[in-house]
Amino acid sequence: MPSPQNPYQPYAVVHAKANGPDDARPSPADIVRDANIGDELHGKVVLITGATSGTGLESVRAMYEGGATVFATARDIPKMDKIIEQIVSSSHVKDIPRPVAIEMHLDDLDSVRQGAKTFEEKSGGKLNILINNAGVAGVPYGQTKNGFEVHFGTNHVSHFLLFNLLKPLLIASSKATDTTSRLVN
């Protein structure tokens, strides 16, 4: 795929046909490459929610290939472990720590709390980039374990809680490295 030409709509051309055999939309790895930020990821700690498919999975790949230490949340840890193995084995990167899977069910705030605690322990209290990617869509009406409507509880409340639990790490990591931490929603 050619590099973007228009700085205001850099990928407009590749979105002209957004499905089917000619779908050439950029992946997270394309964006990291085109923005020339790969070197900026070395030594950074990234947490990505919903990492077993779609944008979450490709974000794990892009961040790992860019040199970041990656933590990936998933409901299904065996599935996440297989994905991590595939990413590591197909990568040219060899000197970066292997991505770490963390179990987290966003329809259960206790699971979010436990996942945040596990992340803090495994990351040594460092977090530079939080990518809140996980979500549900089109599921039948229901409630989370905490009584929220499923879409609202999973897509919004859980990420709000996760951010607030990890905000001190984002701030401390920013101060320690003299760089800006990032939150991607």
C-alpha atoms as a PDB file:
ATOM      1  CA  MET A   1       0.000   0.000   0.000  1.00  0.00           C
ATOM      2  CA  PRO A   2       1.393   3.444  -0.854  1.00  0.00           C
ATOM      3  CA  SER A   3       2.076   5.935   1.913  1.00  0.00           C
ATOM      4  CA  PRO A   4      -0.647   8.515   2.562  1.00  0.00           C
ATOM      5  CA  GLN A   5      -0.534  11.669   0.412  1.00  0.00           C
ATOM      6  CA  ASN A   6      -3.147  13.893   2.079  1.00  0.00           C
ATOM      7  CA  PRO A   7      -2.242  14.807   5.683  1.00  0.00           C
ATOM      8  CA  TYR A   8      -5.870  15.587   6.573  1.00  0.00           C
ATOM      9  CA  GLN A   9      -7.399  12.393   5.198  1.00  0.00           C
ATOM     10  CA  PRO A  10      -4.374  10.155   4.803  1.00  0.00           C
ATOM     11  CA  TYR A  11      -6.249   6.952   4.037  1.00  0.00           C
ATOM     12  CA  ALA A  12      -9.227   8.271   2.050  1.00  0.00           C
ATOM     13  CA  VAL A  13      -8.110   6.572  -1.162  1.00  0.00           C
ATOM     14  CA  VAL A  14      -7.816   3.114   0.377  1.00  0.00           C
ATOM     15  CA  HIS A  15     -11.255   3.431   1.971  1.00  0.00           C
ATOM     16  CA  ALA A  16     -12.922   3.894  -1.420  1.00  0.00           C
ATOM     17  CA  LYS A  17     -13.814   0.200  -1.484  1.00  0.00           C
ATOM     18  CA  ALA A  18     -14.092  -0.999   2.093  1.00  0.00           C
ATOM     19  CA  ASN A  19     -14.902  -4.678   1.636  1.00  0.00           C
ATOM     20  CA  GLY A  20     -14.307  -7.567  -0.658  1.00  0.00           C
ATOM     21  CA  PRO A  21     -11.172  -8.619  -2.507  1.00  0.00           C
ATOM     22  CA  ASP A  22      -9.925  -5.072  -3.128  1.00  0.00           C
ATOM     23  CA  ASP A  23     -10.236  -3.979   0.504  1.00  0.00           C
ATOM     24  CA  ALA A  24      -6.969  -2.189   1.161  1.00  0.00           C
ATOM     25  CA  ARG A  25      -7.760  -0.320   4.355  1.00  0.00           C
ATOM     26  CA  PRO A  26      -4.666   0.279   6.488  1.00  0.00           C
ATOM     27  CA  SER A  27      -3.831  -1.952   9.410  1.00  0.00           C
ATOM     28  CA  PRO A  28      -2.399  -0.601  12.670  1.00  0.00           C
ATOM     29  CA  ALA A  29       1.020  -1.777  11.420  1.00  0.00           C
ATOM     30  CA  ASP A  30       0.594   0.348   8.264  1.00  0.00           C
ATOM     31  CA  ILE A  31      -0.236   3.400  10.357  1.00  0.00           C
ATOM     32  CA  VAL A  32       2.754   2.879  12.682  1.00  0.00           C
ATOM     33  CA  ARG A  33       5.011   2.513   9.626  1.00  0.00           C
ATOM     34  CA  ASP A  34       3.544   5.485   7.741  1.00  0.00           C
ATOM     35  CA  ALA A  35       3.763   7.747  10.780  1.00  0.00           C
ATOM     36  CA  ASN A  36       7.376   6.634  11.261  1.00  0.00           C
ATOM     37  CA  ILE A  37       6.849   6.094  14.994  1.00  0.00           C
ATOM     38  CA  GLY A  38       8.275   2.593  15.317  1.00  0.00           C
ATOM     39  CA  ASP A  39      11.375   3.782  17.188  1.00  0.00           C
ATOM     40  CA  GLU A  40       9.208   5.740  19.610  1.00  0.00           C
ATOM     41  CA  LEU A  41       7.574   2.492  20.769  1.00  0.00           C
ATOM     42  CA  HIS A  42      10.794   0.870  22.013  1.00  0.00           C
ATOM     43  CA  GLY A  43      10.675   0.602  25.789  1.00  0.00           C
ATOM     44  CA  LYS A  44       7.026   1.646  25.983  1.00  0.00           C
ATOM     45  CA  VAL A  45       4.449  -0.465  27.802  1.00  0.00           C
ATOM     46  CA  VAL A  46       1.100  -0.894  26.042  1.00  0.00           C
ATOM     47  CA  LEU A  47      -2.160  -2.445  27.301  1.00  0.00           C
ATOM     48  CA  ILE A  48      -4.747  -3.386  24.662  1.00  0.00           C
ATOM     49  CA  THR A  49      -8.248  -4.609  25.522  1.00  0.00           C
ATOM     50  CA  GLY A  50     -10.118  -7.017  23.265  1.00  0.00           C
ATOM     51  CA  ALA A  51      -7.043  -8.382  21.546  1.00  0.00           C
ATOM     52  CA  THR A  52      -8.228 -11.704  20.087  1.00  0.00           C
ATOM     53  CA  SER A  53      -9.608 -10.343  16.818  1.00  0.00           C
ATOM     54  CA  GLY A  54      -9.932  -7.363  14.528  1.00  0.00           C
ATOM     55  CA  THR A  55      -8.297  -4.075  15.382  1.00  0.00           C
ATOM     56  CA  GLY A  56      -7.228  -5.314  18.818  1.00  0.00           C
ATOM     57  CA  LEU A  57      -5.302  -8.250  17.388  1.00  0.00           C
ATOM     58  CA  GLU A  58      -3.673  -6.082  14.722  1.00  0.00           C
ATOM     59  CA  SER A  59      -2.807  -3.477  17.365  1.00  0.00           C
ATOM     60  CA  VAL A  60      -0.995  -6.158  19.384  1.00  0.00           C
ATOM     61  CA  ARG A  61       0.930  -7.116  16.257  1.00  0.00           C
ATOM     62  CA  ALA A  62       1.781  -3.492  15.356  1.00  0.00           C
ATOM     63  CA  MET A  63       2.871  -2.517  18.856  1.00  0.00           C
ATOM     64  CA  TYR A  64       4.979  -5.674  19.249  1.00  0.00           C
ATOM     65  CA  GLU A  65       6.588  -5.231  15.827  1.00  0.00           C
ATOM     66  CA  GLY A  66       7.228  -1.599  16.761  1.00  0.00           C
ATOM     67  CA  GLY A  67       9.203  -2.662  19.818  1.00  0.00           C
ATOM     68  CA  ALA A  68       6.727  -2.072  22.643  1.00  0.00           C
ATOM     69  CA  THR A  69       6.175  -4.356  25.607  1.00  0.00           C
ATOM     70  CA  VAL A  70       2.594  -5.478  25.000  1.00  0.00           C
ATOM     71  CA  PHE A  71      -0.088  -6.710  27.396  1.00  0.00           C
ATOM     72  CA  ALA A  72      -3.269  -7.988  25.759  1.00  0.00           C
ATOM     73  CA  THR A  73      -6.577  -8.605  27.505  1.00  0.00           C
ATOM     74  CA  ALA A  74      -8.944 -11.347  26.460  1.00  0.00           C
ATOM     75  CA  ARG A  75     -11.781 -13.448  27.823  1.00  0.00           C
ATOM     76  CA  ASP A  76     -10.299 -16.612  26.339  1.00  0.00           C
ATOM     77  CA  ILE A  77      -6.668 -16.953  27.474  1.00  0.00           C
ATOM     78  CA  PRO A  78      -5.881 -20.161  25.518  1.00  0.00           C
ATOM     79  CA  LYS A  79      -7.064 -18.389  22.342  1.00  0.00           C
ATOM     80  CA  MET A  80      -4.972 -15.306  23.208  1.00  0.00           C
ATOM     81  CA  ASP A  81      -1.920 -17.475  23.894  1.00  0.00           C
ATOM     82  CA  LYS A  82      -2.246 -19.074  20.431  1.00  0.00           C
ATOM     83  CA  ILE A  83      -2.507 -15.635  18.842  1.00  0.00           C
ATOM     84  CA  ILE A  84       0.557 -14.429  20.736  1.00  0.00           C
ATOM     85  CA  GLU A  85       2.493 -17.503  19.598  1.00  0.00           C
ATOM     86  CA  GLN A  86       1.509 -16.806  15.975  1.00  0.00           C
ATOM     87  CA  ILE A  87       2.516 -13.135  16.253  1.00  0.00           C
ATOM     88  CA  VAL A  88       5.881 -13.933  17.853  1.00  0.00           C
ATOM     89  CA  SER A  89       6.728 -16.789  15.482  1.00  0.00           C
ATOM     90  CA  SER A  90       5.911 -14.766  12.355  1.00  0.00           C
ATOM     91  CA  SER A  91       7.712 -11.628  13.518  1.00  0.00           C
ATOM     92  CA  HIS A  92      11.178 -10.436  12.606  1.00  0.00           C
ATOM     93  CA  VAL A  93      11.461  -8.930  16.112  1.00  0.00           C
ATOM     94  CA  LYS A  94      13.506 -11.056  18.473  1.00  0.00           C
ATOM     95  CA  ASP A  95      14.756  -8.768  21.261  1.00  0.00           C
ATOM     96  CA  ILE A  96      11.373  -7.583  22.583  1.00  0.00           C
ATOM     97  CA  PRO A  97       9.562  -9.303  25.462  1.00  0.00           C
ATOM     98  CA  ARG A  98       6.827 -11.678  24.357  1.00  0.00           C
ATOM     99  CA  PRO A  99       3.308 -10.170  24.654  1.00  0.00           C
ATOM    100  CA  VAL A 100       1.506 -11.127  27.860  1.00  0.00           C
ATOM    101  CA  ALA A 101      -2.134 -12.254  27.975  1.00  0.00           C
ATOM    102  CA  ILE A 102      -4.308 -10.972  30.819  1.00  0.00           C
ATOM    103  CA  GLU A 103      -7.768 -12.338  31.451  1.00  0.00           C
ATOM    104  CA  MET A 104     -10.456  -9.675  31.588  1.00  0.00           C
ATOM    105  CA  HIS A 105     -14.226  -9.889  31.135  1.00  0.00           C
ATOM    106  CA  LEU A 106     -15.564  -6.399  30.515  1.00  0.00           C
ATOM    107  CA  ASP A 107     -19.097  -7.412  31.457  1.00  0.00           C
ATOM    108  CA  ASP A 108     -17.889  -7.917  35.051  1.00  0.00           C
ATOM    109  CA  LEU A 109     -16.349  -4.975  36.928  1.00  0.00           C
ATOM    110  CA  ASP A 110     -14.676  -7.319  39.434  1.00  0.00           C
ATOM    111  CA  SER A 111     -12.875  -8.946  36.497  1.00  0.00           C
ATOM    112  CA  VAL A 112     -11.795  -5.488  35.281  1.00  0.00           C
ATOM    113  CA  ARG A 113     -10.436  -4.711  38.751  1.00  0.00           C
ATOM    114  CA  GLN A 114      -8.585  -8.030  38.886  1.00  0.00           C
ATOM    115  CA  GLY A 115      -7.233  -7.553  35.366  1.00  0.00           C
ATOM    116  CA  ALA A 116      -5.959  -4.070  36.247  1.00  0.00           C
ATOM    117  CA  LYS A 117      -4.287  -5.457  39.376  1.00  0.00           C
ATOM    118  CA  THR A 118      -2.685  -8.293  37.396  1.00  0.00           C
ATOM    119  CA  PHE A 119      -1.483  -5.827  34.768  1.00  0.00           C
ATOM    120  CA  GLU A 120       0.052  -3.531  37.380  1.00  0.00           C
ATOM    121  CA  GLU A 121       1.904  -6.459  38.963  1.00  0.00           C
ATOM    122  CA  LYS A 122       3.161  -7.885  35.651  1.00  0.00           C
ATOM    123  CA  SER A 123       4.127  -4.520  34.141  1.00  0.00           C
ATOM    124  CA  GLY A 124       6.002  -3.320  37.187  1.00  0.00           C
ATOM    125  CA  GLY A 125       3.603  -0.394  37.484  1.00  0.00           C
ATOM    126  CA  LYS A 126       4.501   1.107  34.101  1.00  0.00           C
ATOM    127  CA  LEU A 127       1.968   2.054  31.405  1.00  0.00           C
ATOM    128  CA  ASN A 128       2.593   4.400  28.482  1.00  0.00           C
ATOM    129  CA  ILE A 129      -0.290   3.563  26.135  1.00  0.00           C
ATOM    130  CA  LEU A 130      -3.771   2.252  26.985  1.00  0.00           C
ATOM    131  CA  ILE A 131      -5.840   1.151  23.978  1.00  0.00           C
ATOM    132  CA  ASN A 132      -9.475   0.575  24.984  1.00  0.00           C
ATOM    133  CA  ASN A 133     -10.482  -1.515  21.991  1.00  0.00           C
ATOM    134  CA  ALA A 134     -12.806  -4.249  23.304  1.00  0.00           C
ATOM    135  CA  GLY A 135     -16.515  -3.997  22.815  1.00  0.00           C
ATOM    136  CA  VAL A 136     -19.727  -5.716  21.859  1.00  0.00           C
ATOM    137  CA  ALA A 137     -22.303  -4.833  19.218  1.00  0.00           C
ATOM    138  CA  GLY A 138     -25.631  -6.233  18.195  1.00  0.00           C
ATOM    139  CA  VAL A 139     -26.018  -8.613  21.110  1.00  0.00           C
ATOM    140  CA  PRO A 140     -29.510  -9.281  22.463  1.00  0.00           C
ATOM    141  CA  TYR A 141     -30.743  -7.142  25.333  1.00  0.00           C
ATOM    142  CA  GLY A 142     -29.295  -8.244  28.637  1.00  0.00           C
ATOM    143  CA  GLN A 143     -27.432  -7.017  31.680  1.00  0.00           C
ATOM    144  CA  THR A 144     -23.848  -7.241  32.817  1.00  0.00           C
ATOM    145  CA  LYS A 145     -23.032  -8.895  36.128  1.00  0.00           C
ATOM    146  CA  ASN A 146     -23.246  -5.426  37.663  1.00  0.00           C
ATOM    147  CA  GLY A 147     -26.714  -4.642  36.291  1.00  0.00           C
ATOM    148  CA  PHE A 148     -25.806  -2.375  33.367  1.00  0.00           C
ATOM    149  CA  GLU A 149     -27.286  -2.864  29.908  1.00  0.00           C
ATOM    150  CA  VAL A 150     -24.749  -5.096  28.109  1.00  0.00           C
ATOM    151  CA  HIS A 151     -23.595  -2.599  25.461  1.00  0.00           C
ATOM    152  CA  PHE A 152     -23.280   0.310  27.894  1.00  0.00           C
ATOM    153  CA  GLY A 153     -21.656  -1.734  30.651  1.00  0.00           C
ATOM    154  CA  THR A 154     -19.179  -3.506  28.388  1.00  0.00           C
ATOM    155  CA  ASN A 155     -18.284  -0.732  25.973  1.00  0.00           C
ATOM    156  CA  HIS A 156     -18.297   2.269  28.308  1.00  0.00           C
ATOM    157  CA  VAL A 157     -18.513   1.615  32.052  1.00  0.00           C
ATOM    158  CA  SER A 158     -15.822  -1.068  32.096  1.00  0.00           C
ATOM    159  CA  HIS A 159     -13.340   1.026  30.109  1.00  0.00           C
ATOM    160  CA  PHE A 160     -14.083   4.047  32.305  1.00  0.00           C
ATOM    161  CA  LEU A 161     -13.277   1.943  35.371  1.00  0.00           C
ATOM    162  CA  LEU A 162     -10.146   0.485  33.762  1.00  0.00           C
ATOM    163  CA  PHE A 163      -8.865   3.942  32.834  1.00  0.00           C
ATOM    164  CA  ASN A 164      -9.461   5.267  36.330  1.00  0.00           C
ATOM    165  CA  LEU A 165      -7.701   2.281  37.896  1.00  0.00           C
ATOM    166  CA  LEU A 166      -4.701   2.721  35.589  1.00  0.00           C
ATOM    167  CA  LYS A 167      -4.598   6.528  35.409  1.00  0.00           C
ATOM    168  CA  PRO A 168      -1.964   6.758  38.188  1.00  0.00           C
ATOM    169  CA  LEU A 169       0.307   4.449  36.153  1.00  0.00           C
ATOM    170  CA  LEU A 170      -0.160   6.535  32.996  1.00  0.00           C
ATOM    171  CA  ILE A 171       0.701   9.718  34.898  1.00  0.00           C
ATOM    172  CA  ALA A 172       3.689   8.210  36.732  1.00  0.00           C
ATOM    173  CA  SER A 173       5.058   6.648  33.530  1.00  0.00           C
ATOM    174  CA  SER A 174       4.745   9.965  31.729  1.00  0.00           C
ATOM    175  CA  LYS A 175       6.680  11.758  34.457  1.00  0.00           C
ATOM    176  CA  ALA A 176       9.333   9.025  34.681  1.00  0.00           C
ATOM    177  CA  THR A 177      10.072   9.048  30.943  1.00  0.00           C
ATOM    178  CA  ASP A 178       9.377  12.726  30.226  1.00  0.00           C
ATOM    179  CA  THR A 179       7.017  11.664  27.425  1.00  0.00           C
ATOM    180  CA  THR A 180       3.274  11.937  27.080  1.00  0.00           C
ATOM    181  CA  SER A 181       1.244   8.845  27.920  1.00  0.00           C
ATOM    182  CA  ARG A 182      -1.584   7.986  25.549  1.00  0.00           C
ATOM    183  CA  LEU A 183      -5.179   6.841  25.917  1.00  0.00           C
ATOM    184  CA  VAL A 184      -6.872   5.510  22.776  1.00  0.00           C
ATOM    185  CA  ASN A 185     -10.645   4.980  22.977  1.00  0.00           C
END
